[in-house]
Amino acid sequence: MPLRSLLPVLLFVFCVPALAADQSKTKPGPAKKQRKPNPAMAQIKDVPGLPRVLLIGDSISIGYTVPVREELKGAANVHRPLTNCGPTTKGVAEIEKWLGDGHWDVIHFNWGLHDLKYMGPNNENLADPKSTGSHQQVPPAEYEKNLRILVARLKKTGAKLIWRSTTPVPKGAKGRVVGDSDKYNQIAARIMKENDIPIDDQYAFALARLEQIQQPANVHFTKEGSAQLASCASAAIRKQLGD
């Protein structure tokens, strides 16, 4: 066989083992750490005979879901949608899925912090409220319209309803304006009054002790802060359950 014909064969014979040896020396990179599942998002198996409670809300409610379950253990089955319930626009779009086809005895609900936050001109999240083109994700008039739709739907469940007022925006919080929670809460309070729905006023509760229970320049709460909000929610729920 001519040398020219043997050359590809020789290259294959000598190069492939060398390549395999180089690959065998390559160390795998560090495995990515998997985020632990949030226990608030765990599926709840009902204890027969106990009333069913549904918590609807954003990450503030996610923070107090587990301690509410602990405080109401043996008194109620406490569920929540397995998502951050976001603004009222998401609520209107997904409320049927969250309610499901089961019976609810009490529904404790809130929307607000995602409605009042600012988005950029191309819907960039948590934009500077002072920047050109920034706008609230759901402005007050639309918030009122959506909240009325949601309240009407929740009333059809026959459950006892509890509105949880939107917690304060502290100084320095990105993409939100101090005082807007109060403005949106006033809209919500008017709707709740018209519909005879009691209010779990966590806005007033938190405002009186923000430095002790809220994270600095952040709408979210410390672990202890979430536990205190859970106590507020649990007390409001127990009252509706007749405990």
Protein backbone atom coordinates (compact mmCIF):
# COMPACT_ATOMS: atom_id res chain seq x y z
CA MET A 1 0.00 0.00 0.00
CA PRO A 2 1.48 3.42 -0.90
CA LEU A 3 2.65 5.59 2.01
CA ARG A 4 0.16 8.28 0.99
CA SER A 5 -2.69 5.81 1.52
CA LEU A 6 -1.34 4.70 4.91
CA LEU A 7 -1.07 8.24 6.31
CA PRO A 8 -4.76 8.67 7.40
CA VAL A 9 -4.69 5.27 9.05
CA LEU A 10 -1.54 6.06 10.99
CA LEU A 11 -2.91 9.42 12.13
CA PHE A 12 -6.04 7.72 13.44
CA VAL A 13 -4.08 5.00 15.25
CA PHE A 14 -1.78 7.44 17.05
CA CYS A 15 -4.09 10.45 17.62
CA VAL A 16 -7.18 8.75 18.99
CA PRO A 17 -5.44 7.12 22.01
CA ALA A 18 -3.69 10.42 22.78
CA LEU A 19 -6.98 12.28 22.66
CA ALA A 20 -8.62 9.71 24.91
CA ALA A 21 -5.75 10.03 27.39
CA ASP A 22 -6.11 13.82 27.47
CA GLN A 23 -9.86 13.54 28.06
CA SER A 24 -9.33 11.04 30.88
CA LYS A 25 -7.17 13.63 32.66
CA THR A 26 -9.90 16.28 32.49
CA LYS A 27 -11.45 16.72 35.91
CA PRO A 28 -15.19 17.30 36.09
CA GLY A 29 -16.19 20.75 37.34
CA PRO A 30 -17.78 21.21 40.74
CA ALA A 31 -21.39 20.08 40.89
CA LYS A 32 -23.89 22.88 41.06
CA LYS A 33 -25.63 23.14 44.39
CA GLN A 34 -29.34 22.57 44.06
CA ARG A 35 -31.54 25.01 45.88
CA LYS A 36 -33.52 23.36 48.64
CA PRO A 37 -37.26 23.34 47.94
CA ASN A 38 -39.15 25.98 49.88
CA PRO A 39 -41.27 24.18 52.51
CA ALA A 40 -43.98 26.80 51.99
CA MET A 41 -44.50 25.27 48.54
CA ALA A 42 -45.01 21.74 49.82
CA GLN A 43 -48.19 19.93 48.87
CA ILE A 44 -50.43 19.62 51.93
CA LYS A 45 -52.34 16.45 52.70
CA ASP A 46 -55.52 17.35 54.53
CA VAL A 47 -56.21 16.02 57.98
CA PRO A 48 -59.81 14.77 57.75
CA GLY A 49 -62.31 16.77 59.73
CA LEU A 50 -60.28 19.99 59.92
CA PRO A 51 -61.34 23.18 58.11
CA ARG A 52 -59.45 24.16 54.96
CA VAL A 53 -57.67 27.52 54.80
CA LEU A 54 -56.14 29.12 51.70
CA LEU A 55 -53.41 31.77 51.88
CA ILE A 56 -53.11 33.89 48.74
CA GLY A 57 -50.28 36.38 48.43
CA ASP A 58 -46.80 37.26 47.23
CA SER A 59 -43.40 36.52 48.81
CA ILE A 60 -44.47 38.19 52.06
CA SER A 61 -47.12 35.52 52.45
CA ILE A 62 -44.66 32.82 51.38
CA GLY A 63 -42.52 33.96 54.32
CA TYR A 64 -45.29 33.43 56.86
CA THR A 65 -46.92 30.32 55.35
CA VAL A 66 -44.92 27.73 57.31
CA PRO A 67 -45.27 29.45 60.71
CA VAL A 68 -49.02 29.88 60.10
CA ARG A 69 -49.23 26.14 59.45
CA GLU A 70 -47.35 25.49 62.67
CA GLU A 71 -49.57 27.84 64.69
CA LEU A 72 -52.75 26.30 63.26
CA LYS A 73 -51.58 22.70 63.46
CA GLY A 74 -54.49 20.58 64.65
CA ALA A 75 -56.91 23.45 63.99
CA ALA A 76 -56.84 23.82 60.19
CA ASN A 77 -55.35 22.51 56.97
CA VAL A 78 -53.42 25.52 55.61
CA HIS A 79 -52.80 25.59 51.85
CA ARG A 80 -51.41 28.15 49.44
CA PRO A 81 -50.97 28.34 45.64
CA LEU A 82 -47.58 26.85 44.79
CA THR A 83 -46.41 30.16 43.37
CA ASN A 84 -45.79 33.80 44.18
CA CYS A 85 -49.26 35.23 43.49
CA GLY A 86 -47.74 38.49 42.24
CA PRO A 87 -49.93 41.39 41.07
CA THR A 88 -53.70 41.47 40.63
CA THR A 89 -53.23 40.84 36.90
CA LYS A 90 -51.75 37.42 37.72
CA GLY A 91 -54.54 36.86 40.22
CA VAL A 92 -57.24 37.50 37.63
CA ALA A 93 -55.49 35.17 35.18
CA GLU A 94 -54.88 32.29 37.61
CA ILE A 95 -57.47 32.51 40.40
CA GLU A 96 -59.52 29.57 39.08
CA LYS A 97 -56.48 27.30 39.18
CA TRP A 98 -55.60 28.43 42.71
CA LEU A 99 -59.10 27.85 44.03
CA GLY A 100 -59.35 24.43 42.42
CA ASP A 101 -62.50 22.39 42.90
CA GLY A 102 -62.31 21.86 46.66
CA HIS A 103 -64.19 23.57 49.49
CA TRP A 104 -62.54 26.45 51.39
CA ASP A 105 -63.61 27.53 54.86
CA VAL A 106 -61.37 30.61 55.12
CA ILE A 107 -59.39 32.50 52.46
CA HIS A 108 -56.76 34.99 53.69
CA PHE A 109 -55.60 37.07 50.71
CA ASN A 110 -53.53 40.02 49.53
CA TRP A 111 -52.27 41.73 46.38
CA GLY A 112 -50.37 45.01 46.27
CA LEU A 113 -46.58 45.03 46.46
CA HIS A 114 -46.25 43.72 42.91
CA ASP A 115 -48.95 46.06 41.62
CA LEU A 116 -47.30 49.20 42.97
CA LYS A 117 -43.73 48.37 41.93
CA TYR A 118 -42.14 50.21 39.01
CA MET A 119 -41.19 48.68 35.69
CA GLY A 120 -38.92 50.14 33.00
CA PRO A 121 -40.02 51.23 29.50
CA ASN A 122 -39.36 47.68 28.28
CA ASN A 123 -40.87 46.17 31.44
CA GLU A 124 -37.54 45.86 33.23
CA ASN A 125 -38.26 44.73 36.77
CA LEU A 126 -37.90 47.13 39.72
CA ALA A 127 -36.97 50.17 37.68
CA ASP A 128 -36.05 53.53 39.19
CA PRO A 129 -39.41 55.28 39.71
CA LYS A 130 -37.84 58.59 38.66
CA SER A 131 -36.46 57.31 35.33
CA THR A 132 -38.10 58.27 32.06
CA GLY A 133 -40.57 55.64 30.94
CA SER A 134 -40.89 53.98 34.34
CA HIS A 135 -44.43 53.00 35.29
CA GLN A 136 -46.21 51.09 38.00
CA GLN A 137 -46.91 47.51 37.00
CA VAL A 138 -50.61 47.93 37.83
CA PRO A 139 -51.64 51.56 38.38
CA PRO A 140 -54.23 52.39 41.06
CA ALA A 141 -57.31 52.51 38.80
CA GLU A 142 -56.51 49.13 37.25
CA TYR A 143 -55.66 47.72 40.67
CA GLU A 144 -59.11 48.69 41.93
CA LYS A 145 -60.79 47.14 38.91
CA ASN A 146 -58.86 43.87 39.25
CA LEU A 147 -59.33 43.66 43.00
CA ARG A 148 -63.09 44.05 42.63
CA ILE A 149 -63.10 41.16 40.13
CA LEU A 150 -61.06 39.00 42.51
CA VAL A 151 -63.20 39.79 45.55
CA ALA A 152 -66.37 38.95 43.63
CA ARG A 153 -64.87 35.60 42.62
CA LEU A 154 -63.65 34.80 46.14
CA LYS A 155 -67.09 35.55 47.59
CA LYS A 156 -68.59 32.91 45.30
CA THR A 157 -66.58 30.23 47.13
CA GLY A 158 -68.72 30.72 50.24
CA ALA A 159 -65.55 30.91 52.34
CA LYS A 160 -65.05 33.45 55.08
CA LEU A 161 -62.69 36.05 53.61
CA ILE A 162 -59.89 38.03 55.26
CA TRP A 163 -58.03 40.80 53.47
CA ARG A 164 -54.42 41.28 54.54
CA SER A 165 -53.30 44.86 54.04
CA THR A 166 -50.12 45.40 52.01
CA THR A 167 -47.03 45.81 54.16
CA PRO A 168 -44.96 49.02 54.03
CA VAL A 169 -42.28 49.99 51.52
CA PRO A 170 -39.23 51.10 53.54
CA LYS A 171 -36.74 53.81 52.58
CA GLY A 172 -34.20 52.63 50.03
CA ALA A 173 -36.29 49.74 48.68
CA LYS A 174 -35.53 49.29 44.99
CA GLY A 175 -38.27 49.94 42.43
CA ARG A 176 -40.92 51.11 44.88
CA VAL A 177 -41.96 54.38 46.52
CA VAL A 178 -42.44 54.90 50.24
CA GLY A 179 -46.12 55.59 50.95
CA ASP A 180 -47.54 53.72 47.96
CA SER A 181 -48.60 50.78 50.12
CA ASP A 182 -50.86 53.14 52.05
CA LYS A 183 -52.37 54.49 48.83
CA TYR A 184 -53.18 51.03 47.54
CA ASN A 185 -54.41 49.94 50.96
CA GLN A 186 -56.92 52.79 50.97
CA ILE A 187 -58.34 51.50 47.69
CA ALA A 188 -58.51 47.97 49.08
CA ALA A 189 -60.05 49.11 52.39
CA ARG A 190 -62.90 50.79 50.54
CA ILE A 191 -63.62 47.59 48.60
CA MET A 192 -63.45 45.45 51.75
CA LYS A 193 -65.81 47.77 53.61
CA GLU A 194 -68.33 47.55 50.77
CA ASN A 195 -68.16 43.75 50.94
CA ASP A 196 -68.05 43.35 54.74
CA ILE A 197 -64.64 41.67 54.62
CA PRO A 198 -62.48 42.00 57.77
CA ILE A 199 -58.92 43.28 57.45
CA ASP A 200 -55.81 41.72 58.95
CA ASP A 201 -53.97 45.04 59.18
CA GLN A 202 -50.40 43.90 58.82
CA TYR A 203 -49.50 47.29 57.34
CA ALA A 204 -50.14 49.04 60.64
CA PHE A 205 -48.58 46.19 62.60
CA ALA A 206 -45.36 46.25 60.56
CA LEU A 207 -45.15 50.05 60.29
CA ALA A 208 -44.91 50.35 64.07
CA ARG A 209 -41.86 48.05 64.22
CA LEU A 210 -40.21 48.13 60.78
CA GLU A 211 -36.65 48.48 62.08
CA GLN A 212 -37.07 45.39 64.24
CA ILE A 213 -38.78 43.02 61.80
CA GLN A 214 -38.06 44.14 58.21
CA GLN A 215 -34.84 43.71 56.26
CA PRO A 216 -32.93 46.99 55.64
CA ALA A 217 -34.05 48.84 52.48
CA ASN A 218 -36.09 45.79 51.48
CA VAL A 219 -39.81 45.00 51.48
CA HIS A 220 -39.09 41.52 52.84
CA PHE A 221 -38.98 40.54 56.48
CA THR A 222 -36.54 38.75 58.73
CA LYS A 223 -37.37 35.24 59.88
CA GLU A 224 -38.60 36.66 63.19
CA GLY A 225 -40.56 39.32 61.31
CA SER A 226 -42.32 36.69 59.21
CA ALA A 227 -43.12 34.77 62.38
CA GLN A 228 -44.75 37.86 63.86
CA LEU A 229 -46.79 38.42 60.70
CA ALA A 230 -47.80 34.76 60.91
CA SER A 231 -49.16 35.34 64.39
CA CYS A 232 -51.30 38.18 63.03
CA ALA A 233 -52.62 35.99 60.24
CA SER A 234 -53.24 33.02 62.54
CA ALA A 235 -55.20 35.16 64.99
CA ALA A 236 -57.36 36.56 62.18
CA ILE A 237 -57.98 33.07 60.80
CA ARG A 238 -58.84 31.62 64.22
CA LYS A 239 -61.37 34.39 64.70
CA GLN A 240 -63.09 33.48 61.42
CA LEU A 241 -63.01 29.80 62.34
CA GLY A 242 -64.78 30.62 65.58
CA ASP A 243 -61.93 29.50 67.84
